[in-house]
Amino acid sequence: MTAVRVWLAHLLEWMLLGIGIGCLATYGFETVDARRFQFEQTAAFARNAREGRTPSPVRAGGLVGMLDIPRLQLSTPVVEGDDDGTLQRAAGHLPDTPLPWQDGNSAIAAHRDGLFRPLKDVRVGDEIRFRTTSTEYRYRVTRTAIVGPSDLSVLKPDSTAALTLITCYPFRYIGSAPKRFVVHAERIAAPKTAN
């Protein structure tokens, strides 16, 4: 090899190393930012519940409540919105669907690599809880489905109080997943007021 080829090979190695370090740094920053945001939202929720503050009108990016699936040890704040910025940091309530305390089919989405990976182990019959600072709503999983990303039938209005969770599928997939994993649950009990 000529000196120029050796120099170009070293240059390429250093460029690839730089790109790799840049990708890892970006991933690290986004992960830390998401965890910080979730921690802040969880702390704000706990503080508001402790002080007896009732939920204020929900605004874009604002805290809607807490989603818990006890068997899966999943607990996460849910904020209003389904844009990329929201879903990079938290689970998001889809604005075109009813809120979880309203009748109808309320939908919540999150990335499988961020928050909703535990959904791979969800089972029909599992309990899902949605908490506001003053009330807890309980749901029971009735079915799961795998659908295409443009299949909006999972969001169709429901005459009962229902909750739909959406994430990417398959769970062990690198990159933008070709399908969506959907969990449908129906409210099983009257709302319980928090103490």
N, C-alpha and C. Protein backbone atom coordinates (compact mmCIF):
# COMPACT_ATOMS: atom_id res chain seq x y z
N MET A 1 0.83 -1.18 0.00
CA MET A 1 0.00 0.00 0.00
C MET A 1 0.87 1.24 0.00
N THR A 2 0.39 2.20 -0.69
CA THR A 2 1.12 3.45 -0.72
C THR A 2 0.83 4.24 0.55
N ALA A 3 1.66 5.21 0.80
CA ALA A 3 1.50 6.05 2.00
C ALA A 3 0.14 6.76 1.99
N VAL A 4 -0.33 7.15 0.80
CA VAL A 4 -1.62 7.85 0.70
C VAL A 4 -2.75 6.90 1.10
N ARG A 5 -2.68 5.64 0.64
CA ARG A 5 -3.74 4.68 0.99
C ARG A 5 -3.73 4.38 2.48
N VAL A 6 -2.58 4.26 3.06
CA VAL A 6 -2.48 4.01 4.50
C VAL A 6 -3.08 5.19 5.26
N TRP A 7 -2.71 6.39 4.81
CA TRP A 7 -3.24 7.60 5.45
C TRP A 7 -4.77 7.66 5.32
N LEU A 8 -5.31 7.34 4.14
CA LEU A 8 -6.77 7.35 3.93
C LEU A 8 -7.45 6.28 4.78
N ALA A 9 -6.82 5.11 4.93
CA ALA A 9 -7.39 4.05 5.76
C ALA A 9 -7.46 4.49 7.22
N HIS A 10 -6.40 5.13 7.71
CA HIS A 10 -6.40 5.64 9.09
C HIS A 10 -7.44 6.74 9.26
N LEU A 11 -7.55 7.60 8.27
CA LEU A 11 -8.53 8.68 8.32
C LEU A 11 -9.95 8.09 8.39
N LEU A 12 -10.20 7.07 7.56
CA LEU A 12 -11.51 6.42 7.57
C LEU A 12 -11.78 5.77 8.93
N GLU A 13 -10.79 5.11 9.51
CA GLU A 13 -10.94 4.50 10.83
C GLU A 13 -11.33 5.54 11.87
N TRP A 14 -10.62 6.67 11.86
CA TRP A 14 -10.89 7.73 12.84
C TRP A 14 -12.27 8.36 12.61
N MET A 15 -12.65 8.50 11.34
CA MET A 15 -13.98 9.04 11.05
C MET A 15 -15.07 8.10 11.55
N LEU A 16 -14.91 6.80 11.30
CA LEU A 16 -15.90 5.83 11.77
C LEU A 16 -15.95 5.78 13.30
N LEU A 17 -14.80 5.87 13.93
CA LEU A 17 -14.75 5.91 15.39
C LEU A 17 -15.48 7.15 15.91
N GLY A 18 -15.25 8.28 15.27
CA GLY A 18 -15.93 9.52 15.66
C GLY A 18 -17.43 9.42 15.50
N ILE A 19 -17.87 8.83 14.40
CA ILE A 19 -19.31 8.66 14.17
C ILE A 19 -19.90 7.74 15.25
N GLY A 20 -19.19 6.66 15.55
CA GLY A 20 -19.65 5.73 16.59
C GLY A 20 -19.76 6.40 17.95
N ILE A 21 -18.75 7.17 18.31
CA ILE A 21 -18.77 7.88 19.59
C ILE A 21 -19.90 8.91 19.60
N GLY A 22 -20.10 9.59 18.48
CA GLY A 22 -21.19 10.56 18.38
C GLY A 22 -22.56 9.91 18.56
N CYS A 23 -22.74 8.74 17.95
CA CYS A 23 -24.01 8.02 18.08
C CYS A 23 -24.24 7.60 19.53
N LEU A 24 -23.20 7.06 20.17
CA LEU A 24 -23.32 6.66 21.57
C LEU A 24 -23.61 7.85 22.47
N ALA A 25 -22.97 8.97 22.22
CA ALA A 25 -23.20 10.17 23.02
C ALA A 25 -24.63 10.67 22.85
N THR A 26 -25.14 10.65 21.62
CA THR A 26 -26.52 11.07 21.37
C THR A 26 -27.49 10.16 22.09
N TYR A 27 -27.29 8.85 21.97
CA TYR A 27 -28.15 7.88 22.66
C TYR A 27 -28.10 8.10 24.17
N GLY A 28 -26.90 8.28 24.70
CA GLY A 28 -26.75 8.51 26.14
C GLY A 28 -27.46 9.77 26.59
N PHE A 29 -27.31 10.85 25.83
CA PHE A 29 -27.97 12.11 26.18
C PHE A 29 -29.48 11.95 26.18
N GLU A 30 -30.02 11.32 25.12
CA GLU A 30 -31.47 11.15 25.01
C GLU A 30 -32.01 10.24 26.12
N THR A 31 -31.26 9.21 26.49
CA THR A 31 -31.69 8.31 27.55
C THR A 31 -31.70 9.03 28.90
N VAL A 32 -30.65 9.77 29.19
CA VAL A 32 -30.58 10.52 30.45
C VAL A 32 -31.67 11.59 30.49
N ASP A 33 -31.89 12.28 29.37
CA ASP A 33 -32.94 13.31 29.31
C ASP A 33 -34.31 12.71 29.55
N ALA A 34 -34.59 11.55 28.95
CA ALA A 34 -35.89 10.88 29.13
C ALA A 34 -36.07 10.45 30.58
N ARG A 35 -35.05 9.87 31.19
CA ARG A 35 -35.14 9.44 32.59
C ARG A 35 -35.35 10.64 33.51
N ARG A 36 -34.64 11.73 33.26
CA ARG A 36 -34.79 12.94 34.06
C ARG A 36 -36.22 13.47 33.95
N PHE A 37 -36.73 13.53 32.73
CA PHE A 37 -38.09 14.02 32.50
C PHE A 37 -39.11 13.14 33.21
N GLN A 38 -38.97 11.81 33.11
CA GLN A 38 -39.89 10.89 33.77
C GLN A 38 -39.82 11.04 35.29
N PHE A 39 -38.62 11.21 35.82
CA PHE A 39 -38.45 11.40 37.25
C PHE A 39 -39.13 12.69 37.69
N GLU A 40 -38.94 13.77 36.96
CA GLU A 40 -39.57 15.05 37.30
C GLU A 40 -41.09 14.96 37.26
N GLN A 41 -41.62 14.28 36.23
CA GLN A 41 -43.07 14.14 36.11
C GLN A 41 -43.63 13.27 37.24
N THR A 42 -42.94 12.21 37.58
CA THR A 42 -43.38 11.34 38.68
C THR A 42 -43.36 12.10 40.00
N ALA A 43 -42.31 12.89 40.23
CA ALA A 43 -42.22 13.69 41.46
C ALA A 43 -43.31 14.74 41.51
N ALA A 44 -43.60 15.39 40.37
CA ALA A 44 -44.67 16.39 40.33
C ALA A 44 -46.01 15.75 40.61
N PHE A 45 -46.24 14.55 40.06
CA PHE A 45 -47.48 13.83 40.31
C PHE A 45 -47.62 13.53 41.80
N ALA A 46 -46.58 13.00 42.41
CA ALA A 46 -46.62 12.65 43.83
C ALA A 46 -46.86 13.89 44.69
N ARG A 47 -46.20 14.98 44.36
CA ARG A 47 -46.36 16.23 45.11
C ARG A 47 -47.80 16.74 45.00
N ASN A 48 -48.34 16.74 43.77
CA ASN A 48 -49.72 17.20 43.58
C ASN A 48 -50.72 16.31 44.30
N ALA A 49 -50.49 15.00 44.29
CA ALA A 49 -51.39 14.08 44.98
C ALA A 49 -51.31 14.29 46.49
N ARG A 50 -50.12 14.50 47.01
CA ARG A 50 -49.91 14.72 48.44
C ARG A 50 -50.60 16.01 48.90
N GLU A 51 -50.53 17.02 48.04
CA GLU A 51 -51.12 18.32 48.38
C GLU A 51 -52.60 18.39 48.04
N GLY A 52 -53.14 17.30 47.48
CA GLY A 52 -54.57 17.25 47.17
C GLY A 52 -54.98 18.12 45.99
N ARG A 53 -54.04 18.42 45.11
CA ARG A 53 -54.37 19.21 43.93
C ARG A 53 -55.13 18.35 42.93
N THR A 54 -56.22 18.87 42.43
CA THR A 54 -56.97 18.14 41.41
C THR A 54 -56.33 18.39 40.06
N PRO A 55 -56.52 17.46 39.12
CA PRO A 55 -55.91 17.63 37.80
C PRO A 55 -56.42 18.89 37.12
N SER A 56 -55.52 19.65 36.58
CA SER A 56 -55.91 20.85 35.84
C SER A 56 -56.21 20.43 34.40
N PRO A 57 -56.82 21.30 33.62
CA PRO A 57 -57.06 20.93 32.22
C PRO A 57 -55.75 20.49 31.55
N VAL A 58 -55.86 19.44 30.78
CA VAL A 58 -54.67 18.86 30.15
C VAL A 58 -54.27 19.70 28.95
N ARG A 59 -52.98 20.03 28.87
CA ARG A 59 -52.45 20.79 27.73
C ARG A 59 -51.34 19.98 27.07
N ALA A 60 -51.00 20.31 25.86
CA ALA A 60 -49.95 19.59 25.12
C ALA A 60 -48.67 19.55 25.96
N GLY A 61 -48.13 18.36 26.12
CA GLY A 61 -46.90 18.18 26.89
C GLY A 61 -47.12 18.12 28.39
N GLY A 62 -48.36 18.36 28.85
CA GLY A 62 -48.65 18.35 30.27
C GLY A 62 -48.92 16.96 30.81
N LEU A 63 -48.73 16.80 32.09
CA LEU A 63 -48.93 15.52 32.75
C LEU A 63 -50.41 15.17 32.78
N VAL A 64 -50.73 13.95 32.31
CA VAL A 64 -52.10 13.45 32.31
C VAL A 64 -52.32 12.59 33.56
N GLY A 65 -51.37 11.73 33.89
CA GLY A 65 -51.48 10.85 35.05
C GLY A 65 -50.39 9.80 35.02
N MET A 66 -50.59 8.76 35.83
CA MET A 66 -49.62 7.67 35.92
C MET A 66 -50.26 6.37 35.45
N LEU A 67 -49.52 5.62 34.64
CA LEU A 67 -49.96 4.32 34.13
C LEU A 67 -49.17 3.25 34.87
N ASP A 68 -49.89 2.27 35.43
CA ASP A 68 -49.25 1.18 36.17
C ASP A 68 -49.78 -0.16 35.67
N ILE A 69 -48.87 -1.10 35.45
CA ILE A 69 -49.25 -2.50 35.20
C ILE A 69 -48.48 -3.31 36.24
N PRO A 70 -49.12 -3.56 37.39
CA PRO A 70 -48.40 -4.17 38.52
C PRO A 70 -47.66 -5.46 38.19
N ARG A 71 -48.29 -6.40 37.48
CA ARG A 71 -47.63 -7.69 37.22
C ARG A 71 -46.35 -7.52 36.42
N LEU A 72 -46.32 -6.52 35.55
CA LEU A 72 -45.13 -6.28 34.72
C LEU A 72 -44.15 -5.31 35.38
N GLN A 73 -44.50 -4.82 36.55
CA GLN A 73 -43.70 -3.82 37.26
C GLN A 73 -43.42 -2.62 36.38
N LEU A 74 -44.45 -2.20 35.65
CA LEU A 74 -44.36 -1.04 34.78
C LEU A 74 -45.12 0.10 35.42
N SER A 75 -44.45 1.21 35.61
CA SER A 75 -45.07 2.42 36.14
C SER A 75 -44.43 3.60 35.43
N THR A 76 -45.25 4.42 34.80
CA THR A 76 -44.70 5.53 34.03
C THR A 76 -45.66 6.71 33.98
N PRO A 77 -45.13 7.92 33.98
CA PRO A 77 -46.00 9.07 33.77
C PRO A 77 -46.48 9.10 32.32
N VAL A 78 -47.68 9.63 32.13
CA VAL A 78 -48.25 9.80 30.79
C VAL A 78 -48.47 11.29 30.59
N VAL A 79 -47.96 11.80 29.47
CA VAL A 79 -48.14 13.21 29.14
C VAL A 79 -49.00 13.33 27.89
N GLU A 80 -49.54 14.51 27.68
CA GLU A 80 -50.42 14.74 26.54
C GLU A 80 -49.60 14.94 25.27
N GLY A 81 -49.87 14.14 24.25
CA GLY A 81 -49.21 14.31 22.96
C GLY A 81 -48.66 13.01 22.41
N ASP A 82 -48.56 12.98 21.08
CA ASP A 82 -48.02 11.80 20.41
C ASP A 82 -46.96 12.16 19.39
N ASP A 83 -46.40 13.36 19.51
CA ASP A 83 -45.34 13.78 18.59
C ASP A 83 -44.02 13.13 18.99
N ASP A 84 -43.04 13.18 18.09
CA ASP A 84 -41.75 12.52 18.34
C ASP A 84 -41.08 13.01 19.61
N GLY A 85 -41.12 14.31 19.86
CA GLY A 85 -40.48 14.87 21.06
C GLY A 85 -41.08 14.31 22.34
N THR A 86 -42.39 14.17 22.37
CA THR A 86 -43.07 13.62 23.55
C THR A 86 -42.71 12.15 23.73
N LEU A 87 -42.80 11.37 22.65
CA LEU A 87 -42.57 9.93 22.76
C LEU A 87 -41.10 9.58 22.99
N GLN A 88 -40.18 10.51 22.73
CA GLN A 88 -38.77 10.27 23.05
C GLN A 88 -38.56 10.30 24.56
N ARG A 89 -39.47 10.99 25.28
CA ARG A 89 -39.26 11.20 26.71
C ARG A 89 -40.25 10.49 27.62
N ALA A 90 -41.43 10.14 27.10
CA ALA A 90 -42.47 9.60 27.97
C ALA A 90 -43.51 8.84 27.16
N ALA A 91 -44.45 8.23 27.88
CA ALA A 91 -45.63 7.67 27.24
C ALA A 91 -46.55 8.85 26.94
N GLY A 92 -47.22 8.81 25.79
CA GLY A 92 -48.06 9.92 25.40
C GLY A 92 -49.50 9.52 25.16
N HIS A 93 -50.41 10.35 25.65
CA HIS A 93 -51.84 10.15 25.39
C HIS A 93 -52.12 10.72 24.01
N LEU A 94 -52.78 9.94 23.15
CA LEU A 94 -53.11 10.40 21.80
C LEU A 94 -54.24 11.43 21.91
N PRO A 95 -53.97 12.68 21.51
CA PRO A 95 -54.92 13.77 21.72
C PRO A 95 -56.28 13.60 21.06
N ASP A 96 -56.37 12.81 20.02
CA ASP A 96 -57.65 12.64 19.33
C ASP A 96 -58.53 11.58 20.00
N THR A 97 -58.11 11.04 21.13
CA THR A 97 -58.91 10.04 21.83
C THR A 97 -59.33 10.60 23.19
N PRO A 98 -60.39 10.04 23.79
CA PRO A 98 -60.83 10.53 25.10
C PRO A 98 -59.73 10.36 26.14
N LEU A 99 -59.78 11.16 27.18
CA LEU A 99 -58.85 11.00 28.29
C LEU A 99 -59.27 9.77 29.10
N PRO A 100 -58.36 9.16 29.84
CA PRO A 100 -58.68 7.90 30.53
C PRO A 100 -59.87 7.98 31.49
N TRP A 101 -60.20 9.13 31.99
CA TRP A 101 -61.33 9.25 32.91
C TRP A 101 -62.65 9.51 32.18
N GLN A 102 -62.58 9.63 30.86
CA GLN A 102 -63.79 9.82 30.07
C GLN A 102 -64.23 8.48 29.47
N ASP A 103 -65.51 8.39 29.12
CA ASP A 103 -65.98 7.20 28.43
C ASP A 103 -65.42 7.19 27.02
N GLY A 104 -65.21 6.01 26.48
CA GLY A 104 -64.68 5.86 25.14
C GLY A 104 -63.34 5.15 25.17
N ASN A 105 -62.66 5.13 24.03
CA ASN A 105 -61.41 4.41 23.86
C ASN A 105 -60.23 5.37 23.97
N SER A 106 -59.60 5.41 25.13
CA SER A 106 -58.44 6.27 25.37
C SER A 106 -57.18 5.53 24.93
N ALA A 107 -56.31 6.19 24.18
CA ALA A 107 -55.10 5.53 23.67
C ALA A 107 -53.84 6.18 24.21
N ILE A 108 -52.87 5.33 24.55
CA ILE A 108 -51.57 5.77 25.06
C ILE A 108 -50.50 5.02 24.26
N ALA A 109 -49.51 5.75 23.79
CA ALA A 109 -48.42 5.15 23.00
C ALA A 109 -47.07 5.44 23.67
N ALA A 110 -46.13 4.53 23.45
CA ALA A 110 -44.75 4.73 23.91
C ALA A 110 -43.84 3.84 23.08
N HIS A 111 -42.56 4.20 23.06
CA HIS A 111 -41.59 3.39 22.32
C HIS A 111 -41.31 2.09 23.05
N ARG A 112 -41.12 1.02 22.29
CA ARG A 112 -40.82 -0.28 22.89
C ARG A 112 -39.44 -0.26 23.53
N ASP A 113 -38.52 0.51 22.99
CA ASP A 113 -37.16 0.55 23.52
C ASP A 113 -37.04 1.48 24.73
N GLY A 114 -38.05 2.29 24.95
CA GLY A 114 -37.99 3.21 26.08
C GLY A 114 -38.79 2.72 27.27
N LEU A 115 -40.10 2.65 27.11
CA LEU A 115 -40.96 2.36 28.24
C LEU A 115 -41.81 1.10 28.11
N PHE A 116 -42.23 0.79 26.90
CA PHE A 116 -43.23 -0.26 26.75
C PHE A 116 -42.67 -1.64 26.40
N ARG A 117 -41.37 -1.86 26.55
CA ARG A 117 -40.81 -3.19 26.31
C ARG A 117 -41.48 -4.26 27.20
N PRO A 118 -41.83 -3.96 28.47
CA PRO A 118 -42.49 -4.98 29.29
C PRO A 118 -43.81 -5.49 28.70
N LEU A 119 -44.41 -4.76 27.77
CA LEU A 119 -45.66 -5.22 27.18
C LEU A 119 -45.51 -6.54 26.43
N LYS A 120 -44.29 -6.93 26.10
CA LYS A 120 -44.08 -8.21 25.42
C LYS A 120 -44.57 -9.37 26.28
N ASP A 121 -44.66 -9.15 27.60
CA ASP A 121 -45.08 -10.21 28.52
C ASP A 121 -46.51 -10.01 29.04
N VAL A 122 -47.25 -9.06 28.48
CA VAL A 122 -48.62 -8.81 28.95
C VAL A 122 -49.52 -9.99 28.60
N ARG A 123 -50.51 -10.23 29.43
CA ARG A 123 -51.44 -11.35 29.22
C ARG A 123 -52.88 -10.85 29.35
N VAL A 124 -53.77 -11.52 28.66
CA VAL A 124 -55.19 -11.25 28.84
C VAL A 124 -55.50 -11.51 30.31
N GLY A 125 -56.22 -10.59 30.93
CA GLY A 125 -56.55 -10.69 32.35
C GLY A 125 -55.69 -9.82 33.23
N ASP A 126 -54.54 -9.33 32.73
CA ASP A 126 -53.70 -8.44 33.53
C ASP A 126 -54.46 -7.16 33.88
N GLU A 127 -54.16 -6.64 35.05
CA GLU A 127 -54.78 -5.39 35.47
C GLU A 127 -53.89 -4.21 35.08
N ILE A 128 -54.52 -3.16 34.60
CA ILE A 128 -53.84 -1.90 34.29
C ILE A 128 -54.52 -0.83 35.15
N ARG A 129 -53.72 0.02 35.74
CA ARG A 129 -54.26 1.13 36.54
C ARG A 129 -53.83 2.45 35.92
N PHE A 130 -54.76 3.37 35.91
CA PHE A 130 -54.42 4.73 35.49
C PHE A 130 -54.81 5.64 36.64
N ARG A 131 -53.82 6.41 37.14
CA ARG A 131 -54.05 7.27 38.29
C ARG A 131 -53.94 8.74 37.92
N THR A 132 -54.90 9.52 38.42
CA THR A 132 -54.75 10.97 38.43
C THR A 132 -54.40 11.31 39.87
N THR A 133 -54.23 12.59 40.18
CA THR A 133 -53.88 12.96 41.56
C THR A 133 -55.03 12.71 42.52
N SER A 134 -56.24 12.52 42.00
CA SER A 134 -57.39 12.33 42.89
C SER A 134 -58.13 11.01 42.69
N THR A 135 -57.91 10.31 41.58
CA THR A 135 -58.72 9.13 41.27
C THR A 135 -57.88 8.05 40.60
N GLU A 136 -58.24 6.79 40.87
CA GLU A 136 -57.60 5.65 40.21
C GLU A 136 -58.64 4.91 39.38
N TYR A 137 -58.27 4.59 38.15
CA TYR A 137 -59.14 3.85 37.23
C TYR A 137 -58.48 2.50 36.97
N ARG A 138 -59.26 1.42 37.07
CA ARG A 138 -58.72 0.08 36.88
C ARG A 138 -59.30 -0.53 35.61
N TYR A 139 -58.41 -1.17 34.84
CA TYR A 139 -58.79 -1.81 33.58
C TYR A 139 -58.28 -3.25 33.60
N ARG A 140 -58.92 -4.10 32.80
CA ARG A 140 -58.48 -5.49 32.64
C ARG A 140 -58.18 -5.71 31.16
N VAL A 141 -57.01 -6.30 30.86
CA VAL A 141 -56.63 -6.58 29.47
C VAL A 141 -57.59 -7.61 28.90
N THR A 142 -58.20 -7.29 27.75
CA THR A 142 -59.15 -8.21 27.12
C THR A 142 -58.57 -8.86 25.86
N ARG A 143 -57.62 -8.19 25.23
CA ARG A 143 -57.01 -8.78 24.03
C ARG A 143 -55.75 -8.00 23.64
N THR A 144 -54.93 -8.67 22.84
CA THR A 144 -53.77 -8.01 22.23
C THR A 144 -53.85 -8.27 20.73
N ALA A 145 -53.16 -7.44 19.97
CA ALA A 145 -53.16 -7.61 18.51
C ALA A 145 -51.86 -7.06 17.95
N ILE A 146 -51.52 -7.54 16.77
CA ILE A 146 -50.39 -7.01 16.00
C ILE A 146 -50.99 -6.47 14.71
N VAL A 147 -50.74 -5.18 14.46
CA VAL A 147 -51.36 -4.52 13.30
C VAL A 147 -50.30 -3.74 12.52
N GLY A 148 -50.66 -3.32 11.34
CA GLY A 148 -49.79 -2.45 10.55
C GLY A 148 -49.79 -1.04 11.13
N PRO A 149 -48.75 -0.26 10.83
CA PRO A 149 -48.65 1.08 11.41
C PRO A 149 -49.76 2.04 10.97
N SER A 150 -50.41 1.76 9.86
CA SER A 150 -51.48 2.66 9.41
C SER A 150 -52.87 2.14 9.77
N ASP A 151 -52.95 1.04 10.52
CA ASP A 151 -54.24 0.48 10.92
C ASP A 151 -54.80 1.28 12.11
N LEU A 152 -55.78 2.13 11.83
CA LEU A 152 -56.36 2.97 12.86
C LEU A 152 -57.59 2.34 13.50
N SER A 153 -57.93 1.12 13.11
CA SER A 153 -59.11 0.47 13.68
C SER A 153 -58.98 0.28 15.18
N VAL A 154 -57.74 0.20 15.69
CA VAL A 154 -57.54 0.01 17.13
C VAL A 154 -57.94 1.25 17.93
N LEU A 155 -58.11 2.37 17.24
CA LEU A 155 -58.49 3.61 17.91
C LEU A 155 -59.98 3.91 17.79
N LYS A 156 -60.72 3.01 17.18
CA LYS A 156 -62.15 3.27 16.96
C LYS A 156 -62.85 3.52 18.29
N PRO A 157 -63.84 4.40 18.26
CA PRO A 157 -64.58 4.71 19.49
C PRO A 157 -65.18 3.45 20.10
N ASP A 158 -65.26 3.45 21.41
CA ASP A 158 -65.80 2.32 22.14
C ASP A 158 -66.94 2.85 23.01
N SER A 159 -68.01 2.08 23.12
CA SER A 159 -69.15 2.54 23.92
C SER A 159 -68.87 2.43 25.41
N THR A 160 -67.87 1.64 25.78
CA THR A 160 -67.50 1.50 27.19
C THR A 160 -66.23 2.30 27.45
N ALA A 161 -65.83 2.36 28.68
CA ALA A 161 -64.56 3.00 29.02
C ALA A 161 -63.45 2.00 28.74
N ALA A 162 -62.60 2.30 27.78
CA ALA A 162 -61.54 1.38 27.36
C ALA A 162 -60.20 2.11 27.31
N LEU A 163 -59.14 1.34 27.38
CA LEU A 163 -57.79 1.87 27.31
C LEU A 163 -57.01 1.03 26.30
N THR A 164 -56.35 1.70 25.37
CA THR A 164 -55.56 1.02 24.35
C THR A 164 -54.12 1.49 24.47
N LEU A 165 -53.19 0.54 24.60
CA LEU A 165 -51.76 0.83 24.66
C LEU A 165 -51.14 0.40 23.33
N ILE A 166 -50.27 1.24 22.78
CA ILE A 166 -49.68 0.98 21.47
C ILE A 166 -48.17 1.15 21.55
N THR A 167 -47.45 0.18 20.96
CA THR A 167 -46.00 0.29 20.87
C THR A 167 -45.54 -0.38 19.58
N CYS A 168 -44.27 -0.26 19.27
CA CYS A 168 -43.72 -0.84 18.05
C CYS A 168 -43.53 -2.35 18.20
N TYR A 169 -43.57 -3.05 17.08
CA TYR A 169 -43.43 -4.51 17.07
C TYR A 169 -42.67 -4.92 15.81
N PRO A 170 -41.84 -5.93 15.84
CA PRO A 170 -41.53 -6.84 16.94
C PRO A 170 -40.64 -6.18 18.00
N PHE A 171 -40.66 -6.76 19.19
CA PHE A 171 -39.91 -6.19 20.31
C PHE A 171 -38.41 -6.33 20.10
N ARG A 172 -37.97 -7.39 19.44
CA ARG A 172 -36.53 -7.59 19.19
C ARG A 172 -36.23 -7.21 17.74
N TYR A 173 -36.33 -5.94 17.48
CA TYR A 173 -36.12 -5.43 16.12
C TYR A 173 -35.28 -4.18 16.23
N ILE A 174 -34.30 -4.07 15.37
CA ILE A 174 -33.44 -2.89 15.37
C ILE A 174 -33.94 -1.93 14.30
N GLY A 175 -34.15 -0.70 14.68
CA GLY A 175 -34.62 0.29 13.73
C GLY A 175 -36.12 0.49 13.83
N SER A 176 -36.66 1.16 12.84
CA SER A 176 -38.08 1.46 12.80
C SER A 176 -38.87 0.17 12.54
N ALA A 177 -39.67 -0.23 13.50
CA ALA A 177 -40.39 -1.50 13.41
C ALA A 177 -41.52 -1.43 12.39
N PRO A 178 -41.77 -2.53 11.70
CA PRO A 178 -42.77 -2.54 10.63
C PRO A 178 -44.21 -2.69 11.11
N LYS A 179 -44.43 -3.05 12.39
CA LYS A 179 -45.78 -3.28 12.88
C LYS A 179 -45.98 -2.62 14.23
N ARG A 180 -47.21 -2.73 14.74
CA ARG A 180 -47.54 -2.18 16.06
C ARG A 180 -48.15 -3.28 16.92
N PHE A 181 -47.79 -3.26 18.20
CA PHE A 181 -48.36 -4.17 19.18
C PHE A 181 -49.38 -3.38 19.98
N VAL A 182 -50.59 -3.92 20.07
CA VAL A 182 -51.70 -3.20 20.69
C VAL A 182 -52.26 -4.02 21.84
N VAL A 183 -52.48 -3.35 22.96
CA VAL A 183 -53.11 -3.96 24.13
C VAL A 183 -54.43 -3.23 24.36
N HIS A 184 -55.53 -3.99 24.38
CA HIS A 184 -56.84 -3.40 24.63
C HIS A 184 -57.33 -3.84 26.00
N ALA A 185 -57.79 -2.88 26.81
CA ALA A 185 -58.29 -3.17 28.15
C ALA A 185 -59.59 -2.43 28.37
N GLU A 186 -60.46 -3.00 29.20
CA GLU A 186 -61.73 -2.37 29.52
C GLU A 186 -61.79 -2.07 31.02
N ARG A 187 -62.43 -0.94 31.36
CA ARG A 187 -62.54 -0.54 32.75
C ARG A 187 -63.37 -1.58 33.50
N ILE A 188 -62.87 -1.99 34.68
CA ILE A 188 -63.51 -3.08 35.42
C ILE A 188 -64.15 -2.63 36.73
N ALA A 189 -63.88 -1.45 37.15
CA ALA A 189 -64.42 -1.02 38.44
C ALA A 189 -64.71 0.46 38.40
N ALA A 190 -65.59 0.86 39.29
CA ALA A 190 -65.87 2.29 39.41
C ALA A 190 -64.60 2.98 39.87
N PRO A 191 -64.38 4.22 39.43
CA PRO A 191 -63.18 4.95 39.86
C PRO A 191 -63.07 4.99 41.38
N LYS A 192 -61.85 4.89 41.86
CA LYS A 192 -61.58 4.91 43.29
C LYS A 192 -60.88 6.22 43.62
N THR A 193 -61.43 6.94 44.59
CA THR A 193 -60.84 8.21 44.99
C THR A 193 -59.59 7.94 45.80
N ALA A 194 -58.55 8.70 45.47
CA ALA A 194 -57.28 8.56 46.21
C ALA A 194 -57.43 9.15 47.60
N ASN A 195 -56.74 8.55 48.55
CA ASN A 195 -56.81 9.05 49.94
C ASN A 195 -55.76 10.10 50.17
